[in-house]
Amino acid sequence: QVQLVESGGGLVQPGGSLRLSCEASRNIFVSDSMGWYLQAPGKERELVAGITRHGSTNYADSVRGRFTIARDIAKNMVYLQMNSLKPEDTAVYYCNYPVVVGRGSTNWGQGTKDTVSS
């Protein structure tokens, strides 16, 4: 129903920053919440940051204080500002709707890959 396209990933040195973008084909908040997920090599996807249409946010302990999620409803976009990046942040990052992911019936986009390495 809604196409999501992630962008902004790349190669960055430890301590550097990246800003990821998630653009929806229409109103990005068709659900109450939008989230960013990461999938590290050999592991399942994990929710690291979420935001509601009203701006309430939550973060996984591993990224709290370093990552910031934000949304621009008018632009149908959600962002993930990642600062103080660590090698363990290396992963493919996806955006999706937590309520749908929780139901176990969702489609995933291509994601955007972040590689944190010296």
C-alpha atoms as a PDB file:
ATOM      1  CA  GLN A   1       0.000   0.000   0.000  1.00  0.00           C
ATOM      2  CA  VAL A   2       2.826   2.384   0.867  1.00  0.00           C
ATOM      3  CA  GLN A   3       6.232   2.167  -0.734  1.00  0.00           C
ATOM      4  CA  LEU A   4       9.164   3.040   1.486  1.00  0.00           C
ATOM      5  CA  VAL A   5      12.573   3.944   0.153  1.00  0.00           C
ATOM      6  CA  GLU A   6      15.591   4.245   2.392  1.00  0.00           C
ATOM      7  CA  SER A   7      18.639   6.292   1.504  1.00  0.00           C
ATOM      8  CA  GLY A   8      21.641   8.002   3.028  1.00  0.00           C
ATOM      9  CA  GLY A   9      23.830   5.075   3.941  1.00  0.00           C
ATOM     10  CA  GLY A  10      27.481   4.785   3.129  1.00  0.00           C
ATOM     11  CA  LEU A  11      30.966   4.324   4.467  1.00  0.00           C
ATOM     12  CA  VAL A  12      31.886   6.403   7.470  1.00  0.00           C
ATOM     13  CA  GLN A  13      34.734   6.413   9.957  1.00  0.00           C
ATOM     14  CA  PRO A  14      34.163   5.671  13.632  1.00  0.00           C
ATOM     15  CA  GLY A  15      32.938   8.792  15.377  1.00  0.00           C
ATOM     16  CA  GLY A  16      31.410  10.135  12.206  1.00  0.00           C
ATOM     17  CA  SER A  17      27.807  10.847  11.324  1.00  0.00           C
ATOM     18  CA  LEU A  18      25.221   9.819   8.790  1.00  0.00           C
ATOM     19  CA  ARG A  19      21.668  10.931   8.153  1.00  0.00           C
ATOM     20  CA  LEU A  20      19.295   8.333   6.823  1.00  0.00           C
ATOM     21  CA  SER A  21      16.067   9.184   5.073  1.00  0.00           C
ATOM     22  CA  CYS A  22      12.900   7.188   4.592  1.00  0.00           C
ATOM     23  CA  GLU A  23      10.515   8.475   1.958  1.00  0.00           C
ATOM     24  CA  ALA A  24       6.988   7.184   1.538  1.00  0.00           C
ATOM     25  CA  SER A  25       4.931   7.166  -1.614  1.00  0.00           C
ATOM     26  CA  ARG A  26       2.118   8.809   0.307  1.00  0.00           C
ATOM     27  CA  ASN A  27       1.310   9.823   3.879  1.00  0.00           C
ATOM     28  CA  ILE A  28       4.062   8.141   5.829  1.00  0.00           C
ATOM     29  CA  PHE A  29       1.954   7.923   8.977  1.00  0.00           C
ATOM     30  CA  VAL A  30      -0.737   5.631   7.645  1.00  0.00           C
ATOM     31  CA  SER A  31       0.003   3.882  10.930  1.00  0.00           C
ATOM     32  CA  ASP A  32       0.493   5.623  14.254  1.00  0.00           C
ATOM     33  CA  SER A  33       4.213   4.888  14.399  1.00  0.00           C
ATOM     34  CA  MET A  34       7.203   4.636  12.114  1.00  0.00           C
ATOM     35  CA  GLY A  35      10.463   3.013  13.032  1.00  0.00           C
ATOM     36  CA  TRP A  36      14.010   2.422  11.936  1.00  0.00           C
ATOM     37  CA  TYR A  37      15.356  -1.106  12.046  1.00  0.00           C
ATOM     38  CA  LEU A  38      18.826  -2.451  11.616  1.00  0.00           C
ATOM     39  CA  GLN A  39      19.992  -5.833  10.475  1.00  0.00           C
ATOM     40  CA  ALA A  40      23.552  -6.699  11.339  1.00  0.00           C
ATOM     41  CA  PRO A  41      25.292  -9.498   9.473  1.00  0.00           C
ATOM     42  CA  GLY A  42      23.896 -12.855  10.520  1.00  0.00           C
ATOM     43  CA  LYS A  43      21.225 -11.360  12.771  1.00  0.00           C
ATOM     44  CA  GLU A  44      17.527 -10.573  12.606  1.00  0.00           C
ATOM     45  CA  ARG A  45      16.190  -7.091  12.119  1.00  0.00           C
ATOM     46  CA  GLU A  46      15.974  -5.053  15.291  1.00  0.00           C
ATOM     47  CA  LEU A  47      14.001  -1.908  16.028  1.00  0.00           C
ATOM     48  CA  VAL A  48      16.369   0.817  17.149  1.00  0.00           C
ATOM     49  CA  ALA A  49      14.248   3.967  16.968  1.00  0.00           C
ATOM     50  CA  GLY A  50      10.569   4.771  16.696  1.00  0.00           C
ATOM     51  CA  ILE A  51       8.439   7.873  16.352  1.00  0.00           C
ATOM     52  CA  THR A  52       4.713   8.523  16.423  1.00  0.00           C
ATOM     53  CA  ARG A  53       2.848  10.921  14.211  1.00  0.00           C
ATOM     54  CA  HIS A  54       2.751  13.294  17.170  1.00  0.00           C
ATOM     55  CA  GLY A  55       6.511  13.202  17.630  1.00  0.00           C
ATOM     56  CA  SER A  56       6.942  10.885  20.591  1.00  0.00           C
ATOM     57  CA  THR A  57      10.146   8.892  20.288  1.00  0.00           C
ATOM     58  CA  ASN A  58      11.813   5.856  21.740  1.00  0.00           C
ATOM     59  CA  TYR A  59      15.225   4.282  21.265  1.00  0.00           C
ATOM     60  CA  ALA A  60      17.030   1.058  21.849  1.00  0.00           C
ATOM     61  CA  ASP A  61      19.620   1.244  24.588  1.00  0.00           C
ATOM     62  CA  SER A  62      22.386   0.656  22.079  1.00  0.00           C
ATOM     63  CA  VAL A  63      21.685   3.895  20.215  1.00  0.00           C
ATOM     64  CA  ARG A  64      20.106   6.159  22.813  1.00  0.00           C
ATOM     65  CA  GLY A  65      22.007   9.410  23.068  1.00  0.00           C
ATOM     66  CA  ARG A  66      23.672   8.935  19.693  1.00  0.00           C
ATOM     67  CA  PHE A  67      20.786   8.521  17.259  1.00  0.00           C
ATOM     68  CA  THR A  68      17.855  10.854  16.767  1.00  0.00           C
ATOM     69  CA  ILE A  69      14.698  10.021  14.851  1.00  0.00           C
ATOM     70  CA  ALA A  70      12.594  12.791  13.369  1.00  0.00           C
ATOM     71  CA  ARG A  71       9.746  13.156  10.948  1.00  0.00           C
ATOM     72  CA  ASP A  72       8.487  15.615   8.383  1.00  0.00           C
ATOM     73  CA  ILE A  73       4.887  14.723   7.737  1.00  0.00           C
ATOM     74  CA  ALA A  74       4.483  17.279   4.977  1.00  0.00           C
ATOM     75  CA  LYS A  75       7.342  15.670   3.048  1.00  0.00           C
ATOM     76  CA  ASN A  76       6.269  12.105   3.848  1.00  0.00           C
ATOM     77  CA  MET A  77       9.681  11.467   5.340  1.00  0.00           C
ATOM     78  CA  VAL A  78      11.283  10.108   8.469  1.00  0.00           C
ATOM     79  CA  TYR A  79      14.942  10.618   9.270  1.00  0.00           C
ATOM     80  CA  LEU A  80      17.538   8.969  11.422  1.00  0.00           C
ATOM     81  CA  GLN A  81      20.449  11.167  12.435  1.00  0.00           C
ATOM     82  CA  MET A  82      23.291   8.934  13.538  1.00  0.00           C
ATOM     83  CA  ASN A  83      26.173  10.493  15.434  1.00  0.00           C
ATOM     84  CA  SER A  84      29.225   9.062  17.155  1.00  0.00           C
ATOM     85  CA  LEU A  85      29.031   6.003  14.976  1.00  0.00           C
ATOM     86  CA  LYS A  86      30.727   2.823  16.085  1.00  0.00           C
ATOM     87  CA  PRO A  87      31.859  -0.198  14.080  1.00  0.00           C
ATOM     88  CA  GLU A  88      29.084  -2.217  15.716  1.00  0.00           C
ATOM     89  CA  ASP A  89      26.552   0.106  14.078  1.00  0.00           C
ATOM     90  CA  THR A  90      27.463  -1.456  10.755  1.00  0.00           C
ATOM     91  CA  ALA A  91      24.246  -2.854   9.337  1.00  0.00           C
ATOM     92  CA  VAL A  92      21.559  -2.487   6.750  1.00  0.00           C
ATOM     93  CA  TYR A  93      18.959  -0.006   7.948  1.00  0.00           C
ATOM     94  CA  TYR A  94      15.286  -0.219   7.086  1.00  0.00           C
ATOM     95  CA  CYS A  95      12.217   1.829   7.849  1.00  0.00           C
ATOM     96  CA  ASN A  96       8.856   0.245   8.480  1.00  0.00           C
ATOM     97  CA  TYR A  97       5.734   0.353  10.608  1.00  0.00           C
ATOM     98  CA  PRO A  98       6.188  -1.315  14.006  1.00  0.00           C
ATOM     99  CA  VAL A  99       2.544  -2.291  14.311  1.00  0.00           C
ATOM    100  CA  VAL A 100       2.724  -4.109  10.996  1.00  0.00           C
ATOM    101  CA  VAL A 101       6.089  -5.664  11.746  1.00  0.00           C
ATOM    102  CA  GLY A 102       4.661  -6.878  15.037  1.00  0.00           C
ATOM    103  CA  ARG A 103       1.902  -8.704  13.195  1.00  0.00           C
ATOM    104  CA  GLY A 104       4.507 -10.580  11.229  1.00  0.00           C
ATOM    105  CA  SER A 105       3.091  -9.557   7.883  1.00  0.00           C
ATOM    106  CA  THR A 106       5.076  -6.823   6.237  1.00  0.00           C
ATOM    107  CA  ASN A 107       7.245  -6.165   3.252  1.00  0.00           C
ATOM    108  CA  TRP A 108      10.748  -4.834   3.528  1.00  0.00           C
ATOM    109  CA  GLY A 109      12.476  -2.518   1.125  1.00  0.00           C
ATOM    110  CA  GLN A 110      16.065  -2.701   0.012  1.00  0.00           C
ATOM    111  CA  GLY A 111      17.302  -0.781   3.023  1.00  0.00           C
ATOM    112  CA  THR A 112      20.414   1.343   3.099  1.00  0.00           C
ATOM    113  CA  LYS A 113      23.751  -0.028   4.213  1.00  0.00           C
ATOM    114  CA  ASP A 114      25.952   1.750   6.712  1.00  0.00           C
ATOM    115  CA  THR A 115      29.522   0.630   7.117  1.00  0.00           C
ATOM    116  CA  VAL A 116      31.465   2.108  10.015  1.00  0.00           C
ATOM    117  CA  SER A 117      35.124   1.361   9.571  1.00  0.00           C
ATOM    118  CA  SER A 118      38.489   3.049   9.724  1.00  0.00           C
END
